[in-house]
Amino acid sequence: MQALPNILTSLRLVLALFMFLALAAAAGGVPYLNGRLTPEMQFALQRWAVWAFVIAAVTDFFDGWLARKLDAETVWGAILDPIGDKVLVCGAVLGLMALGPQPMVLLPAGLILFREFTVSALREVGAGKGIKLPVTLLAKWKTTLQLTALAFELFVASWGAFGLPYEGGLLEPVSIFAHTLFWLAAVVTLITGAQYWEQTRKALKG
């Protein structure tokens, strides 16, 4: 039981990789499979990718909760957890872009990726100088918001794969909700990035 949190975190990494590869294959981005997949197979890959993302996102909550509940917090888990989050988010963003033109998603997606790589660089530089950047409460909510928004965006992008009708007026409100949530996630992401930047600046100045 003590190893369960780390197993869930590792599972998140595996699911993130599968999700990205499935979306890339569905979009025709895998050389050997390009042209060999039927539309039904492409739709199946999109559905599997969405479900893999949802399951991986759920593990993000349970691994941390179980680690605290079982008193099984480890250094390895502390290293893997943020890596798993970033791989999942970045993989979902790239997979989403692979599915086709996403004008309303492009800018917030780019801003989110920019923030994630910047904060990772800040942590690496800070670690070399003995500076720790603790995860803030807003940053935890940021991850939840990102994952929820990306789940809706992937669902909208895979609308046809789930056999949902494009007529009837349902797609438009769901799309607007997904885009709004994703833009909100991008704003919160930038705010947390600015907080980490300020923490690092003060620590280096001190």
Protein backbone atom coordinates (compact mmCIF):
# COMPACT_ATOMS: atom_id res chain seq x y z
CA MET A 1 0.00 0.00 0.00
CA GLN A 2 2.89 2.37 0.68
CA ALA A 3 3.92 2.18 -2.96
CA LEU A 4 0.41 2.88 -4.32
CA PRO A 5 0.80 6.69 -4.64
CA ASN A 6 3.98 6.30 -6.71
CA ILE A 7 2.31 3.61 -8.83
CA LEU A 8 -0.55 6.01 -9.61
CA THR A 9 1.92 8.77 -10.48
CA SER A 10 3.81 6.43 -12.79
CA LEU A 11 0.51 5.35 -14.32
CA ARG A 12 -0.23 9.01 -15.08
CA LEU A 13 3.01 9.26 -17.05
CA VAL A 14 2.19 6.10 -19.03
CA LEU A 15 -1.36 7.28 -19.76
CA ALA A 16 -0.08 10.70 -20.82
CA LEU A 17 2.28 9.09 -23.32
CA PHE A 18 -0.46 6.80 -24.63
CA MET A 19 -2.88 9.73 -24.96
CA PHE A 20 -0.41 11.76 -27.00
CA LEU A 21 0.54 8.86 -29.27
CA ALA A 22 -3.14 7.98 -29.81
CA LEU A 23 -4.01 11.56 -30.76
CA ALA A 24 -0.95 11.81 -33.01
CA ALA A 25 -1.90 8.57 -34.74
CA ALA A 26 -5.53 9.67 -35.13
CA ALA A 27 -4.33 12.91 -36.71
CA GLY A 28 -2.08 11.06 -39.16
CA GLY A 29 1.13 12.05 -37.41
CA VAL A 30 2.61 8.56 -37.05
CA PRO A 31 4.47 7.67 -40.30
CA TYR A 32 3.79 3.93 -40.46
CA LEU A 33 0.13 4.28 -39.52
CA ASN A 34 -0.51 7.30 -41.71
CA GLY A 35 -3.00 6.25 -44.38
CA ARG A 36 -3.51 2.81 -42.87
CA LEU A 37 -6.13 3.77 -40.29
CA THR A 38 -9.80 3.76 -41.21
CA PRO A 39 -12.02 6.63 -39.98
CA GLU A 40 -13.50 4.24 -37.42
CA MET A 41 -10.03 3.42 -36.09
CA GLN A 42 -9.15 7.11 -35.92
CA PHE A 43 -12.32 7.83 -33.96
CA ALA A 44 -11.57 4.92 -31.62
CA LEU A 45 -8.07 6.29 -30.95
CA GLN A 46 -9.53 9.71 -30.16
CA ARG A 47 -12.01 8.20 -27.71
CA TRP A 48 -9.29 6.14 -26.01
CA ALA A 49 -7.09 9.22 -25.79
CA VAL A 50 -9.83 11.27 -24.12
CA TRP A 51 -10.58 8.53 -21.60
CA ALA A 52 -6.87 8.02 -20.93
CA PHE A 53 -6.55 11.74 -20.21
CA VAL A 54 -9.54 11.70 -17.84
CA ILE A 55 -8.20 8.70 -15.91
CA ALA A 56 -4.73 10.26 -15.74
CA ALA A 57 -6.22 13.53 -14.48
CA VAL A 58 -8.10 11.68 -11.73
CA THR A 59 -4.88 10.01 -10.57
CA ASP A 60 -3.45 13.50 -10.03
CA PHE A 61 -5.82 13.93 -7.10
CA PHE A 62 -5.64 10.45 -5.68
CA ASP A 63 -1.86 9.98 -5.63
CA GLY A 64 -1.32 13.05 -3.46
CA TRP A 65 -4.30 12.26 -1.24
CA LEU A 66 -3.18 8.67 -0.74
CA ALA A 67 0.41 9.72 -0.05
CA ARG A 68 -0.80 11.94 2.80
CA LYS A 69 -3.40 9.41 4.01
CA LEU A 70 -0.93 6.52 4.08
CA ASP A 71 1.96 8.66 5.28
CA ALA A 72 3.79 7.49 2.16
CA GLU A 73 5.24 10.77 0.89
CA THR A 74 8.62 10.07 -0.70
CA VAL A 75 11.33 12.03 -2.48
CA TRP A 76 10.71 9.97 -5.61
CA GLY A 77 7.02 10.82 -5.47
CA ALA A 78 7.78 14.50 -4.97
CA ILE A 79 9.94 14.40 -8.11
CA LEU A 80 7.55 12.36 -10.25
CA ASP A 81 4.33 14.21 -9.37
CA PRO A 82 5.10 17.61 -10.96
CA ILE A 83 6.75 15.85 -13.91
CA GLY A 84 3.59 13.79 -14.41
CA ASP A 85 1.43 16.93 -14.31
CA LYS A 86 3.55 18.78 -16.85
CA VAL A 87 3.85 15.79 -19.22
CA LEU A 88 0.08 15.28 -19.08
CA VAL A 89 -0.73 18.96 -19.72
CA CYS A 90 1.89 19.45 -22.45
CA GLY A 91 0.96 16.15 -24.12
CA ALA A 92 -2.72 17.10 -24.12
CA VAL A 93 -1.99 20.55 -25.57
CA LEU A 94 0.19 19.11 -28.36
CA GLY A 95 -2.34 16.35 -29.04
CA LEU A 96 -5.12 18.92 -29.20
CA MET A 97 -3.16 20.94 -31.74
CA ALA A 98 -2.57 17.80 -33.80
CA LEU A 99 -6.31 17.23 -34.22
CA GLY A 100 -6.62 20.29 -36.43
CA PRO A 101 -6.85 24.08 -36.47
CA GLN A 102 -7.89 25.35 -33.05
CA PRO A 103 -7.90 29.19 -33.31
CA MET A 104 -9.52 29.78 -29.91
CA VAL A 105 -7.16 27.34 -28.23
CA LEU A 106 -3.87 28.38 -29.82
CA LEU A 107 -3.04 31.46 -27.73
CA PRO A 108 -3.94 30.10 -24.25
CA ALA A 109 -2.22 26.82 -25.12
CA GLY A 110 0.97 28.66 -26.06
CA LEU A 111 0.85 30.76 -22.89
CA ILE A 112 0.39 27.66 -20.73
CA LEU A 113 3.36 25.91 -22.36
CA PHE A 114 5.46 29.08 -22.00
CA ARG A 115 4.68 29.25 -18.28
CA GLU A 116 5.34 25.56 -17.65
CA PHE A 117 8.78 25.62 -19.28
CA THR A 118 9.66 28.92 -17.59
CA VAL A 119 8.76 27.70 -14.11
CA SER A 120 10.65 24.45 -14.71
CA ALA A 121 13.71 26.49 -15.63
CA LEU A 122 13.27 28.67 -12.51
CA ARG A 123 13.07 25.57 -10.32
CA GLU A 124 16.21 24.13 -11.90
CA VAL A 125 18.18 27.34 -11.44
CA GLY A 126 16.83 27.78 -7.93
CA ALA A 127 17.69 24.21 -6.96
CA GLY A 128 21.28 24.79 -8.03
CA LYS A 129 21.45 27.70 -5.61
CA GLY A 130 19.62 25.95 -2.79
CA ILE A 131 16.37 27.83 -3.39
CA LYS A 132 13.11 25.92 -2.99
CA LEU A 133 9.88 27.08 -4.62
CA PRO A 134 7.00 25.56 -2.63
CA VAL A 135 3.80 24.79 -4.51
CA THR A 136 1.20 27.43 -3.69
CA LEU A 137 -2.51 26.77 -3.15
CA LEU A 138 -3.32 28.74 -6.31
CA ALA A 139 -0.85 26.59 -8.26
CA LYS A 140 -2.71 23.47 -7.11
CA TRP A 141 -6.00 24.97 -8.27
CA LYS A 142 -4.24 25.94 -11.50
CA THR A 143 -3.46 22.30 -12.24
CA THR A 144 -7.05 21.26 -11.54
CA LEU A 145 -8.35 24.03 -13.78
CA GLN A 146 -5.93 23.13 -16.56
CA LEU A 147 -6.87 19.45 -16.50
CA THR A 148 -10.61 20.16 -16.40
CA ALA A 149 -10.38 22.67 -19.26
CA LEU A 150 -8.24 20.34 -21.36
CA ALA A 151 -10.67 17.46 -20.80
CA PHE A 152 -13.49 19.61 -22.22
CA GLU A 153 -11.32 20.84 -25.11
CA LEU A 154 -10.34 17.27 -26.04
CA PHE A 155 -13.98 16.23 -25.81
CA VAL A 156 -15.04 19.06 -28.14
CA ALA A 157 -12.21 18.30 -30.59
CA SER A 158 -13.28 14.63 -30.57
CA TRP A 159 -16.99 15.42 -30.83
CA GLY A 160 -17.57 13.26 -33.89
CA ALA A 161 -15.58 10.38 -32.40
CA PHE A 162 -18.21 10.06 -29.66
CA GLY A 163 -20.98 9.90 -32.24
CA LEU A 164 -22.48 13.21 -31.19
CA PRO A 165 -24.44 15.24 -33.76
CA TYR A 166 -23.04 18.50 -35.07
CA GLU A 167 -26.57 19.77 -35.56
CA GLY A 168 -28.99 20.56 -32.78
CA GLY A 169 -27.17 23.44 -31.15
CA LEU A 170 -25.34 21.44 -28.47
CA LEU A 171 -21.80 21.72 -29.82
CA GLU A 172 -21.66 25.52 -29.74
CA PRO A 173 -22.45 26.06 -26.02
CA VAL A 174 -20.14 23.20 -25.00
CA SER A 175 -17.37 24.71 -27.15
CA ILE A 176 -17.90 28.17 -25.64
CA PHE A 177 -17.76 26.69 -22.13
CA ALA A 178 -14.58 24.72 -22.94
CA HIS A 179 -12.85 27.74 -24.50
CA THR A 180 -13.83 30.04 -21.62
CA LEU A 181 -12.54 27.55 -19.06
CA PHE A 182 -9.30 27.12 -21.01
CA TRP A 183 -8.70 30.87 -21.22
CA LEU A 184 -9.39 31.14 -17.48
CA ALA A 185 -6.87 28.35 -16.88
CA ALA A 186 -4.31 30.25 -18.96
CA VAL A 187 -4.83 33.44 -16.92
CA VAL A 188 -4.46 31.60 -13.60
CA THR A 189 -1.42 29.79 -15.01
CA LEU A 190 0.27 33.10 -15.86
CA ILE A 191 -0.54 34.50 -12.41
CA THR A 192 1.10 31.53 -10.69
CA GLY A 193 4.06 31.85 -13.05
CA ALA A 194 4.48 35.48 -12.03
CA GLN A 195 4.32 34.45 -8.36
CA TYR A 196 7.10 31.90 -8.82
CA TRP A 197 9.15 34.44 -10.75
CA GLU A 198 8.81 36.94 -7.90
CA GLN A 199 9.70 34.30 -5.30
CA THR A 200 12.83 33.41 -7.23
CA ARG A 201 13.81 37.05 -7.73
CA LYS A 202 13.49 37.82 -4.01
CA ALA A 203 15.38 34.65 -3.04
CA LEU A 204 18.26 35.43 -5.42
CA LYS A 205 18.33 39.06 -4.31
CA GLY A 206 18.38 38.03 -0.66
